[in-house]
């Protein structure tokens, strides 16, 4: 490894950003201690701000050391398709007609389960919706599941312990549940075309592990908190749903965004069409999640900029491992770097065995729930659910502890079976 000065600086800033991510509670305390600057401390205490903020610092340093042309050339060379896609899918998937459709589907599935209604809906949100992520993409699944959980189970009726456990299972299950197809999970998407992985391959190779892990994790957390779930009073469902035609139109727009996920001009055009329809027929909409979606996109774009200069240490580290080692290594590394970036770098290593390819992707999806930055949809879920935690703050260590159990289930499934 012979890193350049900019690569070393980028690695240091990446480490600082990670420390910043785990220090959000400190900024919240500063906001209370210094009310004059409370808004500033609240801003830098937002998890979604972190990587975008330090990416700006990196670009500023690059301009100072290498000049404006070199810095802008580097920024222009990054691929921002994933942040833009997550922005578009989050806005559309969180619209009232899409949520109405998802709720109808969830309630239909829940009725088939021999469980009380609150328990059945809770299990459905943590099992069925993450698996549907293989069709509607993981960001859409995360948005839908998080909204369903927030409005029903993240209230004063439930303990903080249950909310953390639910968040951990949700993040892990969404990361794993999208791996049944080659286009829905970001870490799979990064390698599918390069390695020739199609739907048949994903179903036959990953399906036997993905489905049991998601169901086991959802069943375990449902069983652990069955007493709290039994006492939950669900919100009234008397509010008017969306007309069938409106739901069909929104589903068509959502499907179009998914189909053109690799083509920003097309999926952003469809999102703009959606915004026009939403403005023309406000009676069929609730508040659009534009702010939350923009923050998440800013977070991911910052990760793209900072992550683009980590290849000098990450790729040799992966190349030094054998197939089984890379599974555990990828699971651990995913906690401190986006799992899509991890598999992308692995795809640049030539002459990898099929076993190595399998384990690096399995490790990437297994570790995708351990931290907010581990998987692209996680910031979307955090943006939706964070307000229901004490002081609006989700402890990174609390999330790590909550996701450890579900992650261990995935490790056992992928490593030993």
Foldseek 3Di string as FASTA:
>chain_A
DDADPLLVVLVVLLVVLLVLLQCLVVLCVVCVVCVVCNVVSNQSSQNLCRLLVSLVVSLVVCCVPPNDVVSVVLLVPFDLLLLLLLLLLLQLLLKQLNLLVVVVVQQVQLVVDPDPNLLSSQLCLQAVLLLCLLPLALLSSLNSSLVSCQQFPLAPLDDLLLVLLSLLSNQLLNLLNNQQAQQRFLQSVLCCVLVVPGNVNSCVPRVVQNNVLSNVSSVVSSVVCVVSSVPTDGDDPPDDGADPVVSVVSVVLSNQSSVVSVPSVRNVVSSVVVVVVCVVCVVNTDDGPNVLSVSLSSSVSSLSSSLVSNLVPLLVVLVVDDQLVLLQVLLVVLQSHALSSNSNSVSVDPDDDPSNNVSNSLSLSLNRQQFQRSGSSSSSSLSSSQCSHVVSDDNSVSNNVSNVVSSVSSCCSVNPD
